[in-house]
Structure formats: structure tokens, C-alpha cells
C-alpha atoms as a PDB file:
ATOM      1  CA  MET A   1       3.207  -0.278   3.803  1.00  0.00           C
ATOM      2  CA  LYS A   2       2.002   2.961   1.779  1.00  0.00           C
ATOM      3  CA  ARG A   3       5.208   4.352  -0.145  1.00  0.00           C
ATOM      4  CA  LYS A   4       5.620   5.483  -3.939  1.00  0.00           C
ATOM      5  CA  ARG A   5       8.147   3.677  -6.039  1.00  0.00           C
ATOM      6  CA  ILE A   6       7.231   5.355  -9.379  1.00  0.00           C
ATOM      7  CA  ILE A   7      10.078   5.459 -11.914  1.00  0.00           C
ATOM      8  CA  SER A   8      10.003   7.449 -15.148  1.00  0.00           C
ATOM      9  CA  CYS A   9       8.570   5.554 -18.078  1.00  0.00           C
ATOM     10  CA  LEU A  10      10.655   7.290 -20.743  1.00  0.00           C
ATOM     11  CA  SER A  11      13.092   4.700 -22.068  1.00  0.00           C
ATOM     12  CA  ALA A  12      16.546   5.828 -23.068  1.00  0.00           C
ATOM     13  CA  LEU A  13      16.794   2.805 -25.333  1.00  0.00           C
ATOM     14  CA  ALA A  14      13.647   3.886 -27.152  1.00  0.00           C
ATOM     15  CA  VAL A  15      15.322   7.247 -27.724  1.00  0.00           C
ATOM     16  CA  ILE A  16      18.338   5.446 -29.157  1.00  0.00           C
ATOM     17  CA  SER A  17      16.078   3.491 -31.489  1.00  0.00           C
ATOM     18  CA  LEU A  18      14.443   6.665 -32.777  1.00  0.00           C
ATOM     19  CA  LEU A  19      17.780   8.350 -33.290  1.00  0.00           C
ATOM     20  CA  ALA A  20      19.144   5.379 -35.150  1.00  0.00           C
ATOM     21  CA  THR A  21      16.247   4.797 -37.530  1.00  0.00           C
ATOM     22  CA  GLY A  22      15.377   8.416 -38.318  1.00  0.00           C
ATOM     23  CA  CYS A  23      12.435   9.047 -40.609  1.00  0.00           C
ATOM     24  CA  GLY A  24      13.085   6.750 -43.529  1.00  0.00           C
ATOM     25  CA  LYS A  25      16.383   8.413 -44.497  1.00  0.00           C
ATOM     26  CA  GLU A  26      19.370   6.385 -45.652  1.00  0.00           C
ATOM     27  CA  ILE A  27      21.383   5.382 -42.592  1.00  0.00           C
ATOM     28  CA  GLU A  28      25.043   6.445 -42.370  1.00  0.00           C
ATOM     29  CA  VAL A  29      27.530   4.059 -40.804  1.00  0.00           C
ATOM     30  CA  LYS A  30      30.637   4.893 -38.776  1.00  0.00           C
ATOM     31  CA  ASN A  31      33.008   2.158 -37.567  1.00  0.00           C
ATOM     32  CA  GLY A  32      30.325  -0.442 -38.201  1.00  0.00           C
ATOM     33  CA  SER A  33      27.667   1.398 -36.163  1.00  0.00           C
ATOM     34  CA  LYS A  34      24.740   3.488 -37.380  1.00  0.00           C
ATOM     35  CA  VAL A  35      25.225   7.254 -37.136  1.00  0.00           C
ATOM     36  CA  ALA A  36      22.599   8.766 -34.844  1.00  0.00           C
ATOM     37  CA  VAL A  37      23.385  12.469 -35.314  1.00  0.00           C
ATOM     38  CA  SER A  38      25.882  14.669 -37.153  1.00  0.00           C
ATOM     39  CA  ILE A  39      27.041  18.216 -36.484  1.00  0.00           C
ATOM     40  CA  LYS A  40      29.641  20.172 -38.457  1.00  0.00           C
ATOM     41  CA  GLY A  41      31.262  17.069 -39.812  1.00  0.00           C
ATOM     42  CA  ASN A  42      31.288  15.138 -36.548  1.00  0.00           C
ATOM     43  CA  LYS A  43      29.283  11.951 -36.495  1.00  0.00           C
ATOM     44  CA  TYR A  44      27.961  10.307 -33.331  1.00  0.00           C
ATOM     45  CA  THR A  45      26.696   6.752 -33.401  1.00  0.00           C
ATOM     46  CA  ALA A  46      23.958   5.182 -31.330  1.00  0.00           C
ATOM     47  CA  THR A  47      26.591   2.819 -29.921  1.00  0.00           C
ATOM     48  CA  GLU A  48      28.719   5.747 -28.728  1.00  0.00           C
ATOM     49  CA  TYR A  49      25.684   7.362 -27.133  1.00  0.00           C
ATOM     50  CA  TYR A  50      24.665   4.079 -25.533  1.00  0.00           C
ATOM     51  CA  GLU A  51      28.128   3.582 -24.027  1.00  0.00           C
ATOM     52  CA  GLN A  52      27.920   7.051 -22.452  1.00  0.00           C
ATOM     53  CA  ILE A  53      24.488   6.689 -20.871  1.00  0.00           C
ATOM     54  CA  LYS A  54      23.939   3.002 -20.116  1.00  0.00           C
ATOM     55  CA  GLU A  55      25.163   3.058 -16.510  1.00  0.00           C
ATOM     56  CA  ASP A  56      23.217   6.176 -15.543  1.00  0.00           C
ATOM     57  CA  ASN A  57      19.982   4.972 -17.125  1.00  0.00           C
ATOM     58  CA  ILE A  58      19.797   1.425 -15.825  1.00  0.00           C
ATOM     59  CA  SER A  59      16.435   2.138 -14.183  1.00  0.00           C
ATOM     60  CA  LYS A  60      14.948   2.737 -17.646  1.00  0.00           C
ATOM     61  CA  LEU A  61      16.109  -0.665 -18.805  1.00  0.00           C
ATOM     62  CA  VAL A  62      14.782  -2.352 -15.653  1.00  0.00           C
ATOM     63  CA  GLU A  63      11.467  -0.684 -16.331  1.00  0.00           C
ATOM     64  CA  LEU A  64      11.379  -2.096 -19.861  1.00  0.00           C
ATOM     65  CA  ILE A  65      12.204  -5.573 -18.541  1.00  0.00           C
ATOM     66  CA  ASP A  66       9.494  -5.452 -15.874  1.00  0.00           C
ATOM     67  CA  LYS A  67       6.938  -4.042 -18.288  1.00  0.00           C
ATOM     68  CA  ASP A  68       7.488  -6.952 -20.668  1.00  0.00           C
ATOM     69  CA  LEU A  69       7.770  -9.596 -17.939  1.00  0.00           C
ATOM     70  CA  LEU A  70       4.904  -8.516 -15.694  1.00  0.00           C
ATOM     71  CA  THR A  71       2.428  -7.750 -18.462  1.00  0.00           C
ATOM     72  CA  LYS A  72       2.614 -11.462 -19.261  1.00  0.00           C
ATOM     73  CA  LYS A  73       2.737 -12.598 -15.640  1.00  0.00           C
ATOM     74  CA  ILE A  74       0.054 -10.320 -14.114  1.00  0.00           C
ATOM     75  CA  LYS A  75      -3.012 -10.209 -16.316  1.00  0.00           C
ATOM     76  CA  THR A  76      -5.011  -6.978 -16.310  1.00  0.00           C
ATOM     77  CA  THR A  77      -8.137  -7.200 -14.159  1.00  0.00           C
ATOM     78  CA  SER A  78     -11.024  -4.909 -13.287  1.00  0.00           C
ATOM     79  CA  GLU A  79      -9.395  -4.463  -9.863  1.00  0.00           C
ATOM     80  CA  GLU A  80      -6.206  -3.190 -11.495  1.00  0.00           C
ATOM     81  CA  THR A  81      -8.085  -0.831 -13.802  1.00  0.00           C
ATOM     82  CA  GLU A  82     -10.143   0.556 -10.919  1.00  0.00           C
ATOM     83  CA  HIS A  83      -7.046   0.997  -8.739  1.00  0.00           C
ATOM     84  CA  VAL A  84      -5.100   2.859 -11.426  1.00  0.00           C
ATOM     85  CA  ASN A  85      -8.061   5.069 -12.345  1.00  0.00           C
ATOM     86  CA  ASN A  86      -8.663   5.916  -8.684  1.00  0.00           C
ATOM     87  CA  GLN A  87      -5.045   6.954  -8.282  1.00  0.00           C
ATOM     88  CA  LEU A  88      -5.242   9.104 -11.400  1.00  0.00           C
ATOM     89  CA  ASP A  89      -8.452  10.719 -10.161  1.00  0.00           C
ATOM     90  CA  GLN A  90      -6.872  11.539  -6.796  1.00  0.00           C
ATOM     91  CA  ILE A  91      -3.824  13.090  -8.472  1.00  0.00           C
ATOM     92  CA  LYS A  92      -6.029  15.109 -10.830  1.00  0.00           C
ATOM     93  CA  GLN A  93      -8.268  16.303  -7.993  1.00  0.00           C
ATOM     94  CA  TYR A  94      -5.245  17.423  -6.005  1.00  0.00           C
ATOM     95  CA  TYR A  95      -3.139  18.942  -8.772  1.00  0.00           C
ATOM     96  CA  GLY A  96      -5.333  19.285 -11.839  1.00  0.00           C
ATOM     97  CA  SER A  97      -7.252  22.511 -11.266  1.00  0.00           C
ATOM     98  CA  ASP A  98      -4.748  24.387 -13.423  1.00  0.00           C
ATOM     99  CA  GLU A  99      -3.852  22.560 -16.644  1.00  0.00           C
ATOM    100  CA  ALA A 100      -0.410  24.153 -17.037  1.00  0.00           C
ATOM    101  CA  ASN A 101       0.462  23.505 -13.416  1.00  0.00           C
ATOM    102  CA  TYR A 102      -0.842  19.930 -13.744  1.00  0.00           C
ATOM    103  CA  SER A 103       1.552  19.266 -16.632  1.00  0.00           C
ATOM    104  CA  ASN A 104       4.442  20.639 -14.589  1.00  0.00           C
ATOM    105  CA  ILE A 105       3.459  18.474 -11.622  1.00  0.00           C
ATOM    106  CA  LEU A 106       3.375  15.355 -13.804  1.00  0.00           C
ATOM    107  CA  LYS A 107       6.901  16.090 -15.011  1.00  0.00           C
ATOM    108  CA  GLN A 108       8.383  17.342 -11.745  1.00  0.00           C
ATOM    109  CA  TYR A 109       6.961  14.855  -9.269  1.00  0.00           C
ATOM    110  CA  PHE A 110       6.213  11.804 -11.390  1.00  0.00           C
ATOM    111  CA  GLY A 111       8.643  12.126 -14.286  1.00  0.00           C
ATOM    112  CA  ALA A 112       5.801  11.796 -16.781  1.00  0.00           C
ATOM    113  CA  ASP A 113       5.375  13.853 -19.942  1.00  0.00           C
ATOM    114  CA  SER A 114       1.656  13.136 -20.140  1.00  0.00           C
ATOM    115  CA  GLU A 115      -1.236  11.721 -18.179  1.00  0.00           C
ATOM    116  CA  GLU A 116      -1.174   8.628 -20.387  1.00  0.00           C
ATOM    117  CA  GLU A 117       2.471   8.067 -19.476  1.00  0.00           C
ATOM    118  CA  LEU A 118       1.617   8.458 -15.784  1.00  0.00           C
ATOM    119  CA  LYS A 119      -1.123   5.868 -16.221  1.00  0.00           C
ATOM    120  CA  GLU A 120       1.423   3.436 -17.668  1.00  0.00           C
ATOM    121  CA  MET A 121       3.688   4.063 -14.687  1.00  0.00           C
ATOM    122  CA  LEU A 122       0.872   3.462 -12.199  1.00  0.00           C
ATOM    123  CA  THR A 123      -0.076   0.284 -14.049  1.00  0.00           C
ATOM    124  CA  LEU A 124       3.486  -1.029 -13.846  1.00  0.00           C
ATOM    125  CA  GLU A 125       3.629  -0.143 -10.173  1.00  0.00           C
ATOM    126  CA  TYR A 126       0.424  -2.089  -9.538  1.00  0.00           C
ATOM    127  CA  LYS A 127       1.767  -5.138 -11.373  1.00  0.00           C
ATOM    128  CA  ARG A 128       5.052  -4.945  -9.472  1.00  0.00           C
ATOM    129  CA  ASN A 129       3.196  -4.906  -6.162  1.00  0.00           C
ATOM    130  CA  LYS A 130       1.052  -7.861  -7.194  1.00  0.00           C
ATOM    131  CA  ALA A 131       4.070  -9.805  -8.433  1.00  0.00           C
ATOM    132  CA  ALA A 132       5.930  -9.194  -5.156  1.00  0.00           C
ATOM    133  CA  GLU A 133       2.890 -10.323  -3.143  1.00  0.00           C
ATOM    134  CA  GLN A 134       2.568 -13.495  -5.201  1.00  0.00           C
ATOM    135  CA  TYR A 135       6.276 -14.236  -4.843  1.00  0.00           C
ATOM    136  CA  VAL A 136       6.181 -13.822  -1.064  1.00  0.00           C
ATOM    137  CA  GLN A 137       3.089 -16.035  -0.886  1.00  0.00           C
ATOM    138  CA  LYS A 138       4.975 -18.841  -2.669  1.00  0.00           C
ATOM    139  CA  LYS A 139       7.749 -18.665  -0.054  1.00  0.00           C
ATOM    140  CA  LEU A 140       5.460 -18.896   2.984  1.00  0.00           C
ATOM    141  CA  THR A 141       5.942 -21.976   5.152  1.00  0.00           C
ATOM    142  CA  ASP A 142       3.131 -24.067   6.607  1.00  0.00           C
ATOM    143  CA  ALA A 143       4.328 -23.055  10.078  1.00  0.00           C
ATOM    144  CA  GLU A 144       4.050 -19.342   9.227  1.00  0.00           C
ATOM    145  CA  ILE A 145       0.575 -19.799   7.771  1.00  0.00           C
ATOM    146  CA  LYS A 146      -0.649 -21.767  10.792  1.00  0.00           C
ATOM    147  CA  ASP A 147       0.840 -19.253  13.243  1.00  0.00           C
ATOM    148  CA  TYR A 148      -0.852 -16.340  11.457  1.00  0.00           C
ATOM    149  CA  TYR A 149      -4.133 -18.259  11.407  1.00  0.00           C
ATOM    150  CA  ASN A 150      -3.958 -18.966  15.144  1.00  0.00           C
ATOM    151  CA  LYS A 151      -3.162 -15.365  16.049  1.00  0.00           C
ATOM    152  CA  ASN A 152      -5.259 -13.415  13.576  1.00  0.00           C
ATOM    153  CA  ILE A 153      -8.272 -15.406  12.451  1.00  0.00           C
ATOM    154  CA  PHE A 154     -11.341 -15.280  14.666  1.00  0.00           C
ATOM    155  CA  GLY A 155     -14.967 -16.194  14.406  1.00  0.00           C
ATOM    156  CA  GLN A 156     -17.507 -13.407  14.181  1.00  0.00           C
ATOM    157  CA  VAL A 157     -17.934 -11.561  17.461  1.00  0.00           C
ATOM    158  CA  LYS A 158     -21.067 -10.093  18.973  1.00  0.00           C
ATOM    159  CA  ALA A 159     -20.612  -7.081  21.231  1.00  0.00           C
ATOM    160  CA  SER A 160     -22.330  -4.077  22.759  1.00  0.00           C
ATOM    161  CA  HIS A 161     -20.796  -0.752  23.589  1.00  0.00           C
ATOM    162  CA  ILE A 162     -21.264   2.460  25.468  1.00  0.00           C
ATOM    163  CA  MET A 163     -19.919   5.315  23.391  1.00  0.00           C
ATOM    164  CA  ILE A 164     -18.971   8.677  24.835  1.00  0.00           C
ATOM    165  CA  SER A 165     -18.484  11.202  22.048  1.00  0.00           C
ATOM    166  CA  VAL A 166     -16.002  14.046  22.408  1.00  0.00           C
ATOM    167  CA  ASP A 167     -18.181  17.155  22.445  1.00  0.00           C
ATOM    168  CA  GLU A 168     -16.153  19.834  20.712  1.00  0.00           C
ATOM    169  CA  LYS A 169     -16.963  22.673  18.329  1.00  0.00           C
ATOM    170  CA  SER A 170     -15.491  22.734  14.853  1.00  0.00           C
ATOM    171  CA  ASP A 171     -13.706  26.006  15.591  1.00  0.00           C
ATOM    172  CA  ALA A 172     -12.465  24.908  19.040  1.00  0.00           C
ATOM    173  CA  SER A 173      -8.948  25.844  20.107  1.00  0.00           C
ATOM    174  CA  ASP A 174      -6.387  23.158  20.979  1.00  0.00           C
ATOM    175  CA  GLU A 175      -6.999  23.786  24.663  1.00  0.00           C
ATOM    176  CA  GLU A 176     -10.757  23.458  24.201  1.00  0.00           C
ATOM    177  CA  LYS A 177     -10.325  20.225  22.236  1.00  0.00           C
ATOM    178  CA  LYS A 178      -8.080  18.807  24.958  1.00  0.00           C
ATOM    179  CA  ALA A 179     -10.573  19.765  27.641  1.00  0.00           C
ATOM    180  CA  ALA A 180     -13.443  18.160  25.699  1.00  0.00           C
ATOM    181  CA  GLU A 181     -11.475  14.945  25.266  1.00  0.00           C
ATOM    182  CA  GLU A 182     -10.579  14.799  28.951  1.00  0.00           C
ATOM    183  CA  LYS A 183     -14.236  15.326  29.849  1.00  0.00           C
ATOM    184  CA  ALA A 184     -15.323  12.460  27.570  1.00  0.00           C
ATOM    185  CA  LYS A 185     -12.695  10.165  29.056  1.00  0.00           C
ATOM    186  CA  GLU A 186     -13.744  11.056  32.607  1.00  0.00           C
ATOM    187  CA  THR A 187     -17.371  10.300  31.697  1.00  0.00           C
ATOM    188  CA  ALA A 188     -16.339   6.910  30.299  1.00  0.00           C
ATOM    189  CA  GLU A 189     -14.372   6.157  33.469  1.00  0.00           C
ATOM    190  CA  ARG A 190     -17.389   7.096  35.557  1.00  0.00           C
ATOM    191  CA  ALA A 191     -19.564   4.707  33.531  1.00  0.00           C
ATOM    192  CA  ILE A 192     -17.031   1.900  34.089  1.00  0.00           C
ATOM    193  CA  LYS A 193     -17.034   2.595  37.836  1.00  0.00           C
ATOM    194  CA  GLU A 194     -20.821   2.256  37.941  1.00  0.00           C
ATOM    195  CA  LEU A 195     -20.564  -1.081  36.130  1.00  0.00           C
ATOM    196  CA  ASN A 196     -17.893  -2.194  38.580  1.00  0.00           C
ATOM    197  CA  ASP A 197     -20.184  -1.180  41.427  1.00  0.00           C
ATOM    198  CA  GLY A 198     -22.861  -3.530  40.114  1.00  0.00           C
ATOM    199  CA  LYS A 199     -25.153  -1.353  38.012  1.00  0.00           C
ATOM    200  CA  LYS A 200     -26.798  -3.211  35.120  1.00  0.00           C
ATOM    201  CA  TRP A 201     -25.271  -2.786  31.666  1.00  0.00           C
ATOM    202  CA  ASN A 202     -28.468  -1.572  29.982  1.00  0.00           C
ATOM    203  CA  THR A 203     -28.997   1.034  32.690  1.00  0.00           C
ATOM    204  CA  VAL A 204     -25.512   2.466  32.220  1.00  0.00           C
ATOM    205  CA  VAL A 205     -25.931   2.418  28.427  1.00  0.00           C
ATOM    206  CA  LYS A 206     -29.106   4.477  28.604  1.00  0.00           C
ATOM    207  CA  LYS A 207     -27.512   6.904  31.034  1.00  0.00           C
ATOM    208  CA  TYR A 208     -24.218   7.556  29.242  1.00  0.00           C
ATOM    209  CA  SER A 209     -24.097   6.336  25.633  1.00  0.00           C
ATOM    210  CA  THR A 210     -24.198   8.967  22.904  1.00  0.00           C
ATOM    211  CA  ASP A 211     -24.755   6.311  20.211  1.00  0.00           C
ATOM    212  CA  THR A 212     -28.469   6.883  19.692  1.00  0.00           C
ATOM    213  CA  THR A 213     -28.738   4.114  17.084  1.00  0.00           C
ATOM    214  CA  ASN A 214     -28.601   1.385  19.718  1.00  0.00           C
ATOM    215  CA  SER A 215     -28.817   2.975  23.156  1.00  0.00           C
ATOM    216  CA  THR A 216     -32.291   1.473  23.658  1.00  0.00           C
ATOM    217  CA  THR A 217     -31.016  -2.048  22.868  1.00  0.00           C
ATOM    218  CA  GLY A 218     -28.132  -2.096  25.300  1.00  0.00           C
ATOM    219  CA  GLY A 219     -25.664  -0.728  22.787  1.00  0.00           C
ATOM    220  CA  ASP A 220     -25.913  -3.923  20.721  1.00  0.00           C
ATOM    221  CA  LEU A 221     -23.631  -3.932  17.652  1.00  0.00           C
ATOM    222  CA  GLY A 222     -24.669  -7.374  16.445  1.00  0.00           C
ATOM    223  CA  TYR A 223     -22.195  -9.849  14.964  1.00  0.00           C
ATOM    224  CA  PHE A 224     -19.189  -8.509  13.068  1.00  0.00           C
ATOM    225  CA  ASP A 225     -15.777  -9.507  11.766  1.00  0.00           C
ATOM    226  CA  LEU A 226     -12.975  -7.958  13.786  1.00  0.00           C
ATOM    227  CA  ALA A 227     -11.377  -6.716  10.559  1.00  0.00           C
ATOM    228  CA  GLU A 228     -14.426  -4.519   9.964  1.00  0.00           C
ATOM    229  CA  MET A 229     -13.777  -2.464  13.071  1.00  0.00           C
ATOM    230  CA  ASN A 230     -11.233   0.154  14.070  1.00  0.00           C
ATOM    231  CA  ASP A 231      -7.930  -1.560  14.987  1.00  0.00           C
ATOM    232  CA  THR A 232      -8.008  -0.258  18.558  1.00  0.00           C
ATOM    233  CA  PHE A 233     -11.598  -1.418  18.979  1.00  0.00           C
ATOM    234  CA  SER A 234     -10.800  -4.876  17.548  1.00  0.00           C
ATOM    235  CA  GLU A 235      -7.730  -5.337  19.736  1.00  0.00           C
ATOM    236  CA  ALA A 236      -9.807  -4.519  22.809  1.00  0.00           C
ATOM    237  CA  VAL A 237     -12.455  -7.099  21.828  1.00  0.00           C
ATOM    238  CA  LYS A 238      -9.797  -9.771  21.242  1.00  0.00           C
ATOM    239  CA  GLY A 239      -8.688  -9.471  24.842  1.00  0.00           C
ATOM    240  CA  LEU A 240     -12.174 -10.049  26.262  1.00  0.00           C
ATOM    241  CA  LYS A 241     -13.865 -13.268  27.272  1.00  0.00           C
ATOM    242  CA  THR A 242     -17.567 -13.614  26.549  1.00  0.00           C
ATOM    243  CA  GLY A 243     -19.459 -11.651  29.212  1.00  0.00           C
ATOM    244  CA  GLU A 244     -16.528  -9.350  30.018  1.00  0.00           C
ATOM    245  CA  TYR A 245     -16.317  -5.604  29.379  1.00  0.00           C
ATOM    246  CA  THR A 246     -13.300  -3.361  29.015  1.00  0.00           C
ATOM    247  CA  LYS A 247     -12.037  -1.970  32.313  1.00  0.00           C
ATOM    248  CA  GLU A 248     -10.428   1.052  30.642  1.00  0.00           C
ATOM    249  CA  PRO A 249     -11.997   3.407  28.060  1.00  0.00           C
ATOM    250  CA  VAL A 250     -11.138   2.431  24.480  1.00  0.00           C
ATOM    251  CA  LYS A 251     -10.344   5.454  22.329  1.00  0.00           C
ATOM    252  CA  THR A 252     -11.226   5.592  18.624  1.00  0.00           C
ATOM    253  CA  GLU A 253     -11.877   8.435  16.205  1.00  0.00           C
ATOM    254  CA  LEU A 254     -15.505   8.402  17.382  1.00  0.00           C
ATOM    255  CA  GLY A 255     -14.704   9.003  21.039  1.00  0.00           C
ATOM    256  CA  TYR A 256     -14.379   6.649  24.025  1.00  0.00           C
ATOM    257  CA  HIS A 257     -16.000   3.219  24.278  1.00  0.00           C
ATOM    258  CA  ILE A 258     -16.753   0.654  26.941  1.00  0.00           C
ATOM    259  CA  ILE A 259     -17.135  -2.665  25.135  1.00  0.00           C
ATOM    260  CA  LEU A 260     -19.011  -5.747  26.316  1.00  0.00           C
ATOM    261  CA  LYS A 261     -18.329  -9.000  24.464  1.00  0.00           C
ATOM    262  CA  THR A 262     -21.575 -10.985  24.389  1.00  0.00           C
ATOM    263  CA  ASP A 263     -20.817 -13.889  22.037  1.00  0.00           C
ATOM    264  CA  GLU A 264     -18.243 -15.344  19.639  1.00  0.00           C
ATOM    265  CA  LYS A 265     -18.746 -17.841  16.824  1.00  0.00           C
ATOM    266  CA  ASP A 266     -16.280 -20.618  16.034  1.00  0.00           C
ATOM    267  CA  LYS A 267     -13.437 -19.503  13.782  1.00  0.00           C
ATOM    268  CA  PRO A 268     -13.462 -20.838  10.196  1.00  0.00           C
ATOM    269  CA  LYS A 269     -11.255 -23.820   9.426  1.00  0.00           C
ATOM    270  CA  LEU A 270      -7.792 -23.089   8.046  1.00  0.00           C
ATOM    271  CA  LYS A 271      -8.523 -24.856   4.746  1.00  0.00           C
ATOM    272  CA  ASP A 272     -11.467 -22.513   4.167  1.00  0.00           C
ATOM    273  CA  VAL A 273      -9.502 -19.305   4.719  1.00  0.00           C
ATOM    274  CA  LYS A 274      -5.993 -20.382   3.669  1.00  0.00           C
ATOM    275  CA  LYS A 275      -6.014 -18.322   0.463  1.00  0.00           C
ATOM    276  CA  GLN A 276      -6.963 -15.151   2.355  1.00  0.00           C
ATOM    277  CA  VAL A 277      -4.463 -15.938   5.124  1.00  0.00           C
ATOM    278  CA  LYS A 278      -1.641 -16.213   2.583  1.00  0.00           C
ATOM    279  CA  GLU A 279      -2.637 -12.939   0.905  1.00  0.00           C
ATOM    280  CA  ASP A 280      -2.855 -11.079   4.212  1.00  0.00           C
ATOM    281  CA  LEU A 281       0.380 -12.562   5.554  1.00  0.00           C
ATOM    282  CA  ALA A 282       2.294 -11.687   2.383  1.00  0.00           C
ATOM    283  CA  LYS A 283       1.070  -8.083   2.559  1.00  0.00           C
ATOM    284  CA  GLN A 284       2.027  -7.911   6.232  1.00  0.00           C
ATOM    285  CA  LYS A 285       5.530  -9.178   5.504  1.00  0.00           C
ATOM    286  CA  LEU A 286       5.995  -6.634   2.715  1.00  0.00           C
ATOM    287  CA  GLU A 287       4.830  -3.820   5.003  1.00  0.00           C
ATOM    288  CA  GLU A 288       7.101  -4.900   7.841  1.00  0.00           C
ATOM    289  CA  ASP A 289      10.205  -5.387   5.677  1.00  0.00           C
ATOM    290  CA  ALA A 290      10.656  -2.674   3.053  1.00  0.00           C
ATOM    291  CA  THR A 291      13.551  -4.572   1.420  1.00  0.00           C
ATOM    292  CA  LEU A 292      11.365  -7.574   0.630  1.00  0.00           C
ATOM    293  CA  TYR A 293       9.645  -5.763  -2.240  1.00  0.00           C
ATOM    294  CA  TYR A 294      12.906  -5.170  -4.124  1.00  0.00           C
ATOM    295  CA  GLU A 295      14.327  -8.571  -3.250  1.00  0.00           C
ATOM    296  CA  SER A 296      11.159 -10.214  -4.571  1.00  0.00           C
ATOM    297  CA  LEU A 297      11.291  -8.346  -7.895  1.00  0.00           C
ATOM    298  CA  LYS A 298      14.980  -9.189  -8.220  1.00  0.00           C
ATOM    299  CA  ALA A 299      14.230 -12.873  -7.613  1.00  0.00           C
ATOM    300  CA  ILE A 300      11.365 -12.833 -10.132  1.00  0.00           C
ATOM    301  CA  ARG A 301      13.715 -11.529 -12.829  1.00  0.00           C
ATOM    302  CA  GLU A 302      16.265 -14.202 -11.965  1.00  0.00           C
ATOM    303  CA  GLU A 303      13.598 -16.924 -12.070  1.00  0.00           C
ATOM    304  CA  ASN A 304      12.758 -15.778 -15.582  1.00  0.00           C
ATOM    305  CA  LYS A 305      16.417 -16.236 -16.542  1.00  0.00           C
ATOM    306  CA  ILE A 306      17.334 -12.646 -17.278  1.00  0.00           C
ATOM    307  CA  LYS A 307      20.611 -12.759 -19.219  1.00  0.00           C
ATOM    308  CA  TRP A 308      23.087  -9.913 -19.300  1.00  0.00           C
ATOM    309  CA  ASN A 309      25.285  -9.763 -22.392  1.00  0.00           C
ATOM    310  CA  ASP A 310      26.993  -6.575 -21.242  1.00  0.00           C
ATOM    311  CA  ASP A 311      29.128  -6.720 -18.073  1.00  0.00           C
ATOM    312  CA  VAL A 312      28.840  -2.971 -17.519  1.00  0.00           C
ATOM    313  CA  LEU A 313      25.049  -3.185 -17.608  1.00  0.00           C
ATOM    314  CA  LYS A 314      25.081  -6.181 -15.258  1.00  0.00           C
ATOM    315  CA  SER A 315      27.281  -4.280 -12.809  1.00  0.00           C
ATOM    316  CA  ALA A 316      25.056  -1.198 -13.071  1.00  0.00           C
ATOM    317  CA  TYR A 317      21.980  -3.342 -12.416  1.00  0.00           C
ATOM    318  CA  ASP A 318      23.522  -4.972  -9.342  1.00  0.00           C
ATOM    319  CA  LYS A 319      24.545  -1.578  -7.991  1.00  0.00           C
ATOM    320  CA  TYR A 320      21.090  -0.144  -8.715  1.00  0.00           C
ATOM    321  CA  MET A 321      19.289  -2.946  -6.883  1.00  0.00           C
ATOM    322  CA  ASN A 322      21.711  -2.875  -3.951  1.00  0.00           C
ATOM    323  CA  ASN A 323      21.113   0.861  -3.587  1.00  0.00           C
ATOM    324  CA  LEU A 324      17.325   0.364  -3.585  1.00  0.00           C
ATOM    325  CA  ILE A 325      17.586  -2.358  -0.935  1.00  0.00           C
ATOM    326  CA  SER A 326      19.986  -0.311   1.197  1.00  0.00           C
ATOM    327  CA  SER A 327      17.706   2.717   1.012  1.00  0.00           C
ATOM    328  CA  ALA A 328      14.726   0.584   2.018  1.00  0.00           C
ATOM    329  CA  LYS A 329      16.655  -0.729   5.035  1.00  0.00           C
ATOM    330  CA  SER A 330      17.297   2.793   6.254  1.00  0.00           C
ATOM    331  CA  GLU A 331      13.646   3.853   6.030  1.00  0.00           C
END
């Protein structure tokens, strides 16, 4: 699930506060409310301004609520700091070659007036993600956890492979790239046919494999966790019994593979990997259901007994959240 949910950090209520307090000047009052600004005899109070903007700026208020709530709930860690700094570095590398343009990008695409403000936004986004993951984890059932464990947790696997690289030049045309890929696939199919015809694995490895790091050892990859490998590669290994090899070429970004599963260790016990299972399952659920993120944050606020003293604000909040959830459903 890799989408941006960054909302501008500038709080309209903070603006109201600044307007109302001024710079140490004596505060004027109109109809029981502090005057925020005057022009040619007309006086406008912070209350009047607030009534005009509160519905349209509900996201700013939600941001303030989450910032206060999640700063207490999700403590800052080195992982968070590293994540936020990495994101900032990527944005700067992509947009920051021209300082003036970088400032415009921050405002236009991220709604931030400064890099420091963007950092605050990224920090809040990180904490929101973590809070949603933790909330989903709490709601997982034992049956869901056990099912995920049975289907996704495996012992370390030992395998060997024959790799056929796609031999193409960096400046190759699309037609040339397609031809090179077809040639690699045909070579892999020919290697499989020789195995099917009874040729020894090591002989076929030496004849065809372009992986020079292990071609003299039968293409041995040693023991590895399936999660370490390319998804396509891992899925192919899952379907093999010990001693079996893939009967169709397995395509990855490296080329085509024929994979031989040579051993598999016992999977770890559920109690030993339960924490990781819950983390992985929660992330999977959030990726599969885009609405779950917003529903989780909404539930977290409710659990912390958010109280609305203004019916218009409450209505605006409900509408805002419903719109976010509806938009997520349509993605």
C-alpha cells in the first residue's frame, strides 16, 4: 500500500489565535468577542472569522487533534527519525537542485511553507501509519493469525538454480530487447528439457547458467528465508517439494531461472513469530483495504473520547471522514 496522505500543517485556528492576541496591544471587544481586524470603521472578530471558515478547514483541526494525540501515543524512535529524514532526502534530491523551485514545490505539492513544516507533516504521517497498524493488530482474531501463519510462514529453504540472463545492450531497441528476452526464455526451456530427459543437474548448470558465482557448485544458493527473495522466485519455491525443480522458467528482474529445492527446515513455532505475524498481517490488511487506514484513525479518536462542542464542526468532521473513506473505496 504506497499512497501519500499528506495534509497541510498550517492551522487555521493558530491563525485565529495570532489575529486575536496581536502583539501586546490592548484588545478591542465587539459583541463580547475579541476584534481580530479593523478596516475603515468595520470591526471583524475572531468568532466571526471562525464561523466563516470552520467547515472548510476541518482538516486543519483534525491535524491538530492527531498531532496532540499521536505524539503521546506513538513515541519518537530512531526508526521514525530515519524514515522521515530519508523521505526528506529523496524529495530534496528530486526537487531541490534549484532553491526557488524547491520552495515552490513544497508549497504547491505538499502545502508546506518550509522544509521544517514538511518535516512535521511527514512525522505526523508516519505516526498515523503506525497508529493505524497498531489498531488493526489489536483487532486481529486468533483464527486470522493462525491462518496467516499456516499460509505464509515457512522454515528456511535451501535451493539451487540455473540462471539465464537476458543478453541485451543498454541502447537496445524495444524489438531487440524482446528478441533477447525470448532467446533467454528459449534457452531456459531447453535446459529444462535436458533435465526432463535425464541429464544430471550439475551438468546442466555448468552448461547453461550465467550465474558465475555458483555455477561450479551446482547453482547452490544455500539456505534463505523466502521473504529475502524476489516474490516470483519465492512463490515458485513454495510450490516445490524437496528434490523437485520448476518445470517452467521463472522470470525475475535478473532473467529466467530453473529452481531446484534441495532442503527445507522446520518452520518456527507460532509463539516465536506471533509478533512479526501480527505486524505483517496488519500491514497486509491496510494495503488490501484502503478504507481501513481512515476507519482506524477515526476509531482511535473515538477511543480517546474526542468531544465536539460545536455541532457544525462535528457535522463537518463526519462529512470529511466519510469523503476520505469513499475516495479510498474508489481507488
